[in-house]
């Protein structure tokens, strides 16, 4: 199995369960450190790095987030979901949580504007490993034509 699939499996079977529970528990510092260590070990195993490898190099890859970031993302997603519905806003008000949505209120796009937006279909054979030479040649040509010197 390749790295991308192993990383996907780690996220599905480990990280998603951690996220589901972690946001609702008050963790001790030692427990947070242990969970962060488990997350790092899982991703190192997926990438094929030894556990003795530097954590900074793993962070530079940008494959994963630490527990604090995962908890924050889960809490924001929950608040956003509640704030998007009238019932959810009522629940937040009753709990005394004053939350202002990050994305702002949603409005539908006018029909006149929708008709003017044109999105071309994606070309076939867009897999990054197919036609690698042709892609690189096209990128060089575009860079010469439109790139800065």
C-alpha atoms as a PDB file:
ATOM      1  CA  UNK A   1       0.000   0.000   0.000  1.00  0.00           C
ATOM      2  CA  UNK A   2       1.393   3.441  -0.843  1.00  0.00           C
ATOM      3  CA  UNK A   3       1.924   6.309   1.611  1.00  0.00           C
ATOM      4  CA  UNK A   4      -1.170   8.272   0.602  1.00  0.00           C
ATOM      5  CA  UNK A   5      -3.464   5.330   1.325  1.00  0.00           C
ATOM      6  CA  UNK A   6      -1.751   4.536   4.629  1.00  0.00           C
ATOM      7  CA  UNK A   7      -2.066   8.183   5.709  1.00  0.00           C
ATOM      8  CA  UNK A   8      -5.737   8.126   4.733  1.00  0.00           C
ATOM      9  CA  UNK A   9      -6.267   4.972   6.803  1.00  0.00           C
ATOM     10  CA  UNK A  10      -4.516   6.521   9.806  1.00  0.00           C
ATOM     11  CA  UNK A  11      -6.769   9.536   9.567  1.00  0.00           C
ATOM     12  CA  UNK A  12      -9.900   7.399   9.245  1.00  0.00           C
ATOM     13  CA  UNK A  13      -9.165   4.893  11.990  1.00  0.00           C
ATOM     14  CA  UNK A  14      -7.114   6.890  14.493  1.00  0.00           C
ATOM     15  CA  UNK A  15      -7.279  10.648  14.065  1.00  0.00           C
ATOM     16  CA  UNK A  16     -11.029  10.841  13.436  1.00  0.00           C
ATOM     17  CA  UNK A  17     -11.683   8.917  16.672  1.00  0.00           C
ATOM     18  CA  UNK A  18      -9.298  11.184  18.578  1.00  0.00           C
ATOM     19  CA  UNK A  19     -11.008  14.279  17.168  1.00  0.00           C
ATOM     20  CA  UNK A  20     -14.458  12.923  17.986  1.00  0.00           C
ATOM     21  CA  UNK A  21     -13.595  12.509  21.664  1.00  0.00           C
ATOM     22  CA  UNK A  22     -10.771  14.959  22.328  1.00  0.00           C
ATOM     23  CA  UNK A  23     -12.715  18.187  21.894  1.00  0.00           C
ATOM     24  CA  UNK A  24     -15.030  17.363  24.792  1.00  0.00           C
ATOM     25  CA  UNK A  25     -12.495  16.324  27.437  1.00  0.00           C
ATOM     26  CA  UNK A  26     -10.356  18.523  29.667  1.00  0.00           C
ATOM     27  CA  UNK A  27      -6.957  16.915  29.141  1.00  0.00           C
ATOM     28  CA  UNK A  28      -4.023  17.079  31.518  1.00  0.00           C
ATOM     29  CA  UNK A  29      -0.802  18.306  29.933  1.00  0.00           C
ATOM     30  CA  UNK A  30       0.814  14.866  30.206  1.00  0.00           C
ATOM     31  CA  UNK A  31      -2.163  13.267  28.453  1.00  0.00           C
ATOM     32  CA  UNK A  32      -1.956  15.805  25.618  1.00  0.00           C
ATOM     33  CA  UNK A  33       1.743  15.063  25.218  1.00  0.00           C
ATOM     34  CA  UNK A  34       1.032  11.322  25.077  1.00  0.00           C
ATOM     35  CA  UNK A  35      -1.657  11.744  22.424  1.00  0.00           C
ATOM     36  CA  UNK A  36       0.564  14.060  20.373  1.00  0.00           C
ATOM     37  CA  UNK A  37       3.301  11.432  20.600  1.00  0.00           C
ATOM     38  CA  UNK A  38       0.909   8.723  19.392  1.00  0.00           C
ATOM     39  CA  UNK A  39      -0.165  10.910  16.462  1.00  0.00           C
ATOM     40  CA  UNK A  40       3.462  11.561  15.476  1.00  0.00           C
ATOM     41  CA  UNK A  41       4.374   7.873  15.755  1.00  0.00           C
ATOM     42  CA  UNK A  42       1.439   6.866  13.569  1.00  0.00           C
ATOM     43  CA  UNK A  43       2.390   9.331  10.844  1.00  0.00           C
ATOM     44  CA  UNK A  44       6.077   8.412  11.035  1.00  0.00           C
ATOM     45  CA  UNK A  45       5.094   4.775  10.590  1.00  0.00           C
ATOM     46  CA  UNK A  46       2.910   5.672   7.601  1.00  0.00           C
ATOM     47  CA  UNK A  47       5.662   7.630   5.881  1.00  0.00           C
ATOM     48  CA  UNK A  48       8.261   4.998   6.692  1.00  0.00           C
ATOM     49  CA  UNK A  49      10.384   7.141   9.002  1.00  0.00           C
ATOM     50  CA  UNK A  50      12.006   5.622  12.069  1.00  0.00           C
ATOM     51  CA  UNK A  51      10.616   6.772  15.422  1.00  0.00           C
ATOM     52  CA  UNK A  52      14.032   8.232  16.256  1.00  0.00           C
ATOM     53  CA  UNK A  53      13.736  10.753  13.409  1.00  0.00           C
ATOM     54  CA  UNK A  54      13.436  14.443  14.238  1.00  0.00           C
ATOM     55  CA  UNK A  55       9.922  15.722  14.895  1.00  0.00           C
ATOM     56  CA  UNK A  56      10.769  19.041  13.231  1.00  0.00           C
ATOM     57  CA  UNK A  57      11.297  17.263   9.916  1.00  0.00           C
ATOM     58  CA  UNK A  58       7.942  15.560  10.286  1.00  0.00           C
ATOM     59  CA  UNK A  59       6.260  18.915  11.003  1.00  0.00           C
ATOM     60  CA  UNK A  60       7.921  20.398   7.917  1.00  0.00           C
ATOM     61  CA  UNK A  61       6.187  17.779   5.789  1.00  0.00           C
ATOM     62  CA  UNK A  62       2.846  19.228   6.892  1.00  0.00           C
ATOM     63  CA  UNK A  63       1.132  15.843   7.019  1.00  0.00           C
ATOM     64  CA  UNK A  64      -0.600  16.246  10.339  1.00  0.00           C
ATOM     65  CA  UNK A  65      -1.716  18.655  13.041  1.00  0.00           C
ATOM     66  CA  UNK A  66      -1.133  18.387  16.755  1.00  0.00           C
ATOM     67  CA  UNK A  67      -3.895  17.651  19.255  1.00  0.00           C
ATOM     68  CA  UNK A  68      -4.502  21.301  20.166  1.00  0.00           C
ATOM     69  CA  UNK A  69      -5.079  22.246  16.524  1.00  0.00           C
ATOM     70  CA  UNK A  70      -7.410  19.296  16.001  1.00  0.00           C
ATOM     71  CA  UNK A  71      -9.434  20.219  19.097  1.00  0.00           C
ATOM     72  CA  UNK A  72      -9.686  23.852  18.009  1.00  0.00           C
ATOM     73  CA  UNK A  73     -10.809  22.878  14.505  1.00  0.00           C
ATOM     74  CA  UNK A  74     -13.468  20.525  15.890  1.00  0.00           C
ATOM     75  CA  UNK A  75     -14.827  23.163  18.273  1.00  0.00           C
ATOM     76  CA  UNK A  76     -14.964  25.824  15.565  1.00  0.00           C
ATOM     77  CA  UNK A  77     -16.706  23.414  13.182  1.00  0.00           C
ATOM     78  CA  UNK A  78     -19.274  22.572  15.866  1.00  0.00           C
ATOM     79  CA  UNK A  79     -19.933  26.248  16.637  1.00  0.00           C
ATOM     80  CA  UNK A  80     -20.163  27.090  12.929  1.00  0.00           C
ATOM     81  CA  UNK A  81     -22.665  24.290  12.412  1.00  0.00           C
ATOM     82  CA  UNK A  82     -24.796  25.411  15.353  1.00  0.00           C
ATOM     83  CA  UNK A  83     -24.606  29.086  14.387  1.00  0.00           C
ATOM     84  CA  UNK A  84     -25.780  28.305  10.858  1.00  0.00           C
ATOM     85  CA  UNK A  85     -29.259  27.207  12.016  1.00  0.00           C
ATOM     86  CA  UNK A  86     -31.915  29.067  13.967  1.00  0.00           C
ATOM     87  CA  UNK A  87     -32.297  26.230  16.475  1.00  0.00           C
ATOM     88  CA  UNK A  88     -28.537  26.068  16.969  1.00  0.00           C
ATOM     89  CA  UNK A  89     -28.318  29.816  17.568  1.00  0.00           C
ATOM     90  CA  UNK A  90     -31.106  29.487  20.151  1.00  0.00           C
ATOM     91  CA  UNK A  91     -29.168  26.714  21.910  1.00  0.00           C
ATOM     92  CA  UNK A  92     -26.006  28.833  21.915  1.00  0.00           C
ATOM     93  CA  UNK A  93     -27.946  31.784  23.354  1.00  0.00           C
ATOM     94  CA  UNK A  94     -29.427  29.629  26.128  1.00  0.00           C
ATOM     95  CA  UNK A  95     -25.953  28.363  26.993  1.00  0.00           C
ATOM     96  CA  UNK A  96     -24.647  31.923  27.082  1.00  0.00           C
ATOM     97  CA  UNK A  97     -22.227  31.364  24.206  1.00  0.00           C
ATOM     98  CA  UNK A  98     -21.857  34.495  22.118  1.00  0.00           C
ATOM     99  CA  UNK A  99     -20.358  33.226  18.865  1.00  0.00           C
ATOM    100  CA  UNK A 100     -19.924  35.302  15.732  1.00  0.00           C
ATOM    101  CA  UNK A 101     -19.611  33.205  12.610  1.00  0.00           C
ATOM    102  CA  UNK A 102     -16.281  33.249  10.855  1.00  0.00           C
ATOM    103  CA  UNK A 103     -17.642  32.944   7.356  1.00  0.00           C
ATOM    104  CA  UNK A 104     -20.395  35.527   7.671  1.00  0.00           C
ATOM    105  CA  UNK A 105     -23.984  35.050   6.668  1.00  0.00           C
ATOM    106  CA  UNK A 106     -24.718  33.175   3.467  1.00  0.00           C
ATOM    107  CA  UNK A 107     -26.801  34.613   0.669  1.00  0.00           C
ATOM    108  CA  UNK A 108     -27.677  32.999  -2.631  1.00  0.00           C
ATOM    109  CA  UNK A 109     -26.087  34.260  -5.819  1.00  0.00           C
ATOM    110  CA  UNK A 110     -28.382  36.184  -8.126  1.00  0.00           C
ATOM    111  CA  UNK A 111     -29.639  34.216 -11.129  1.00  0.00           C
ATOM    112  CA  UNK A 112     -28.278  36.874 -13.487  1.00  0.00           C
ATOM    113  CA  UNK A 113     -24.787  36.382 -12.038  1.00  0.00           C
ATOM    114  CA  UNK A 114     -25.070  32.577 -12.047  1.00  0.00           C
ATOM    115  CA  UNK A 115     -25.789  32.633 -15.771  1.00  0.00           C
ATOM    116  CA  UNK A 116     -22.636  34.664 -16.460  1.00  0.00           C
ATOM    117  CA  UNK A 117     -20.290  32.356 -14.538  1.00  0.00           C
ATOM    118  CA  UNK A 118     -18.699  29.796 -16.811  1.00  0.00           C
ATOM    119  CA  UNK A 119     -16.667  26.940 -15.390  1.00  0.00           C
ATOM    120  CA  UNK A 120     -15.037  24.755 -18.035  1.00  0.00           C
ATOM    121  CA  UNK A 121     -15.005  21.003 -17.560  1.00  0.00           C
ATOM    122  CA  UNK A 122     -11.833  19.475 -16.188  1.00  0.00           C
ATOM    123  CA  UNK A 123      -9.700  17.919 -18.902  1.00  0.00           C
ATOM    124  CA  UNK A 124      -9.315  14.155 -18.912  1.00  0.00           C
ATOM    125  CA  UNK A 125      -6.072  12.461 -17.864  1.00  0.00           C
ATOM    126  CA  UNK A 126      -5.340  14.973 -15.095  1.00  0.00           C
ATOM    127  CA  UNK A 127      -3.535  12.459 -12.886  1.00  0.00           C
ATOM    128  CA  UNK A 128      -0.175  13.998 -11.857  1.00  0.00           C
ATOM    129  CA  UNK A 129       1.798  10.870 -12.790  1.00  0.00           C
ATOM    130  CA  UNK A 130       0.412  10.589 -16.327  1.00  0.00           C
ATOM    131  CA  UNK A 131       2.260  12.382 -19.147  1.00  0.00           C
ATOM    132  CA  UNK A 132       4.840  13.864 -16.769  1.00  0.00           C
ATOM    133  CA  UNK A 133       7.167  15.048 -19.570  1.00  0.00           C
ATOM    134  CA  UNK A 134       4.369  16.760 -21.462  1.00  0.00           C
ATOM    135  CA  UNK A 135       3.221  18.521 -18.295  1.00  0.00           C
ATOM    136  CA  UNK A 136       6.710  19.800 -17.496  1.00  0.00           C
ATOM    137  CA  UNK A 137       7.167  21.032 -21.059  1.00  0.00           C
ATOM    138  CA  UNK A 138       3.816  22.833 -20.936  1.00  0.00           C
ATOM    139  CA  UNK A 139       4.712  24.407 -17.584  1.00  0.00           C
ATOM    140  CA  UNK A 140       8.043  25.686 -18.983  1.00  0.00           C
ATOM    141  CA  UNK A 141       6.261  27.146 -22.015  1.00  0.00           C
ATOM    142  CA  UNK A 142       3.673  28.900 -19.840  1.00  0.00           C
ATOM    143  CA  UNK A 143       6.403  30.193 -17.537  1.00  0.00           C
ATOM    144  CA  UNK A 144       8.289  31.657 -20.502  1.00  0.00           C
ATOM    145  CA  UNK A 145       5.135  33.257 -21.870  1.00  0.00           C
ATOM    146  CA  UNK A 146       3.642  34.628 -18.660  1.00  0.00           C
ATOM    147  CA  UNK A 147       6.275  34.332 -15.939  1.00  0.00           C
ATOM    148  CA  UNK A 148       8.444  37.048 -14.543  1.00  0.00           C
ATOM    149  CA  UNK A 149      12.140  37.137 -15.338  1.00  0.00           C
END
